[in-house]
Amino acid sequence: MKTLIVVRHAKSDWAGDEPDRERPLGKRGRRQAPESGSWIAAHHPVIDLAVVSPAVRAATTWDLIAGELATPPPISLDERVYAAWDHELLAVIRSLPTSLSTVALVGHNPGVEAIVEALTGTYAPMPTSCVAVIELTAWDAPSGKLLAHGRPPV
């Protein structure tokens, strides 16, 4: 079995005039992302890889989450995750090496909401800093079960 931890980036700051990809986290996002990291560390302490959108808000979210982990995994900043829809995220998941058991995927809505529903058949809203944990049969032919969902505490 495989475990996919889907995370929507934390709340961003809309006060500046940065392009979308460069938008930083806001104060609430900087507070909530470590809370998500603490929950992940307590429930899924071993992660083999983090696949993260290269947008500043997503990468910073992962940095704050990883700071809560005893052993942060390698990170892959993947262009395919930025502004991706469920079918694009599914291609990312299907390309994961079979040797990996647990992967974190950090992205954006509406794609992360759509991929959780596509994989589990369950609609699960994904507000900022939300975590969804999905058990999959395999990366290359995913069909899964939603094990946990919500903002920490989940």
Protein backbone atom coordinates (compact mmCIF):
# COMPACT_ATOMS: atom_id res chain seq x y z
CA MET A 1 0.00 0.00 0.00
CA LYS A 2 1.01 3.59 -0.63
CA THR A 3 0.22 6.72 1.37
CA LEU A 4 -0.35 10.06 -0.31
CA ILE A 5 -0.45 13.13 1.92
CA VAL A 6 -2.11 15.94 -0.03
CA VAL A 7 -1.58 19.45 1.34
CA ARG A 8 -3.02 22.70 0.09
CA HIS A 9 -0.59 25.56 0.53
CA ALA A 10 -1.09 27.81 3.55
CA LYS A 11 -2.88 31.17 3.38
CA SER A 12 -1.05 33.60 1.14
CA ASP A 13 -0.63 37.36 1.39
CA TRP A 14 -2.57 39.30 -1.23
CA ALA A 15 -1.38 42.72 0.00
CA GLY A 16 1.56 43.02 -2.42
CA ASP A 17 1.62 43.27 -6.18
CA GLU A 18 3.67 40.12 -6.78
CA PRO A 19 2.86 37.85 -9.70
CA ASP A 20 0.82 34.79 -8.67
CA ARG A 21 3.84 32.45 -8.51
CA GLU A 22 5.73 34.87 -6.24
CA ARG A 23 2.97 35.53 -3.70
CA PRO A 24 4.28 34.89 -0.15
CA LEU A 25 2.48 33.42 2.83
CA GLY A 26 0.47 35.70 5.06
CA LYS A 27 0.63 35.78 8.87
CA ARG A 28 -2.13 33.18 9.20
CA GLY A 29 -0.37 30.91 6.72
CA ARG A 30 2.91 31.15 8.62
CA ARG A 31 1.04 30.13 11.78
CA GLN A 32 -1.03 27.31 10.26
CA ALA A 33 1.61 25.54 8.15
CA PRO A 34 3.69 24.44 11.18
CA GLU A 35 0.48 23.17 12.81
CA SER A 36 -0.07 21.00 9.73
CA GLY A 37 3.56 19.88 10.01
CA SER A 38 3.15 18.92 13.64
CA TRP A 39 0.10 16.82 12.81
CA ILE A 40 1.89 15.13 9.91
CA ALA A 41 4.95 14.46 12.11
CA ALA A 42 2.76 12.83 14.76
CA HIS A 43 0.76 10.64 12.34
CA HIS A 44 3.10 10.05 9.37
CA PRO A 45 6.65 10.61 10.62
CA VAL A 46 8.35 8.90 7.68
CA ILE A 47 7.85 10.52 4.29
CA ASP A 48 9.95 9.36 1.35
CA LEU A 49 9.50 12.40 -0.91
CA ALA A 50 7.73 15.74 -1.05
CA VAL A 51 6.47 16.82 -4.47
CA VAL A 52 5.85 20.55 -4.27
CA SER A 53 4.59 23.27 -6.57
CA PRO A 54 7.37 25.80 -7.27
CA ALA A 55 5.09 28.72 -6.32
CA VAL A 56 6.56 30.62 -3.36
CA ARG A 57 3.50 30.05 -1.16
CA ALA A 58 3.59 26.27 -1.74
CA ALA A 59 7.36 25.92 -1.31
CA THR A 60 7.27 28.02 1.88
CA THR A 61 4.36 25.94 3.18
CA TRP A 62 6.44 22.80 2.70
CA ASP A 63 9.50 24.40 4.33
CA LEU A 64 7.42 25.19 7.43
CA ILE A 65 5.89 21.69 7.49
CA ALA A 66 9.29 20.04 6.98
CA GLY A 67 10.64 22.05 9.90
CA GLU A 68 8.32 20.05 12.15
CA LEU A 69 9.51 16.66 10.87
CA ALA A 70 12.32 14.76 12.62
CA THR A 71 13.76 13.79 9.24
CA PRO A 72 12.49 15.91 6.35
CA PRO A 73 12.36 14.00 3.07
CA PRO A 74 13.95 15.07 -0.20
CA ILE A 75 11.90 17.65 -2.08
CA SER A 76 11.02 17.78 -5.74
CA LEU A 77 9.82 21.17 -6.97
CA ASP A 78 7.62 20.04 -9.84
CA GLU A 79 6.33 22.53 -12.43
CA ARG A 80 3.49 20.13 -13.21
CA VAL A 81 1.95 20.77 -9.77
CA TYR A 82 1.59 24.56 -10.21
CA ALA A 83 -2.01 25.40 -11.15
CA ALA A 84 -2.63 21.72 -11.98
CA TRP A 85 -6.00 20.03 -12.32
CA ASP A 86 -6.74 16.53 -11.11
CA HIS A 87 -5.71 14.82 -14.37
CA GLU A 88 -2.35 16.63 -14.29
CA LEU A 89 -1.80 15.71 -10.63
CA LEU A 90 -2.76 12.13 -11.43
CA ALA A 91 0.04 12.06 -14.03
CA VAL A 92 2.47 13.27 -11.33
CA ILE A 93 1.30 10.54 -8.94
CA ARG A 94 1.48 7.84 -11.61
CA SER A 95 5.09 8.80 -12.34
CA LEU A 96 6.24 8.20 -8.74
CA PRO A 97 8.75 5.37 -8.32
CA THR A 98 7.25 2.18 -6.92
CA SER A 99 10.00 2.13 -4.28
CA LEU A 100 8.37 5.09 -2.47
CA SER A 101 5.84 4.27 0.24
CA THR A 102 4.73 7.70 1.50
CA VAL A 103 4.70 10.90 -0.55
CA ALA A 104 3.54 14.41 0.31
CA LEU A 105 2.02 16.47 -2.51
CA VAL A 106 1.78 20.23 -1.90
CA GLY A 107 -0.31 22.19 -4.36
CA HIS A 108 -3.20 24.50 -5.08
CA ASN A 109 -6.96 24.50 -5.36
CA PRO A 110 -9.03 23.58 -7.21
CA GLY A 111 -6.60 20.82 -8.23
CA VAL A 112 -5.88 19.36 -4.79
CA GLU A 113 -9.58 19.21 -3.96
CA ALA A 114 -10.26 17.54 -7.31
CA ILE A 115 -7.46 14.95 -6.94
CA VAL A 116 -8.66 13.92 -3.47
CA GLU A 117 -12.15 13.36 -4.87
CA ALA A 118 -10.85 11.61 -8.00
CA LEU A 119 -8.75 9.19 -5.94
CA THR A 120 -11.26 8.48 -3.18
CA GLY A 121 -14.70 9.20 -4.59
CA THR A 122 -15.25 11.47 -1.58
CA TYR A 123 -15.57 15.24 -1.82
CA ALA A 124 -13.31 16.78 0.80
CA PRO A 125 -12.98 20.57 0.86
CA MET A 126 -9.35 21.69 0.96
CA PRO A 127 -9.06 25.16 2.49
CA THR A 128 -5.59 26.58 3.00
CA SER A 129 -3.28 24.44 5.18
CA CYS A 130 -5.63 21.49 4.85
CA VAL A 131 -4.28 17.94 4.84
CA ALA A 132 -5.82 14.85 3.25
CA VAL A 133 -4.27 11.42 3.77
CA ILE A 134 -5.09 8.82 1.14
CA GLU A 135 -4.23 5.13 1.14
CA LEU A 136 -3.59 3.91 -2.41
CA THR A 137 -3.12 0.48 -3.89
CA ALA A 138 -0.30 1.70 -6.17
CA TRP A 139 1.07 4.91 -7.68
CA ASP A 140 0.55 3.84 -11.28
CA ALA A 141 -3.07 2.72 -10.93
CA PRO A 142 -4.33 4.74 -7.99
CA SER A 143 -7.64 4.12 -6.36
CA GLY A 144 -7.80 4.85 -2.71
CA LYS A 145 -9.41 5.44 0.61
CA LEU A 146 -9.53 8.75 2.48
CA LEU A 147 -7.98 8.08 5.90
CA ALA A 148 -7.89 11.60 7.34
CA HIS A 149 -8.89 15.07 6.22
CA GLY A 150 -8.95 18.58 7.63
CA ARG A 151 -6.94 21.35 9.14
CA PRO A 152 -4.95 20.21 12.16
CA PRO A 153 -5.97 18.91 14.50
CA VAL A 154 -7.44 16.53 11.89
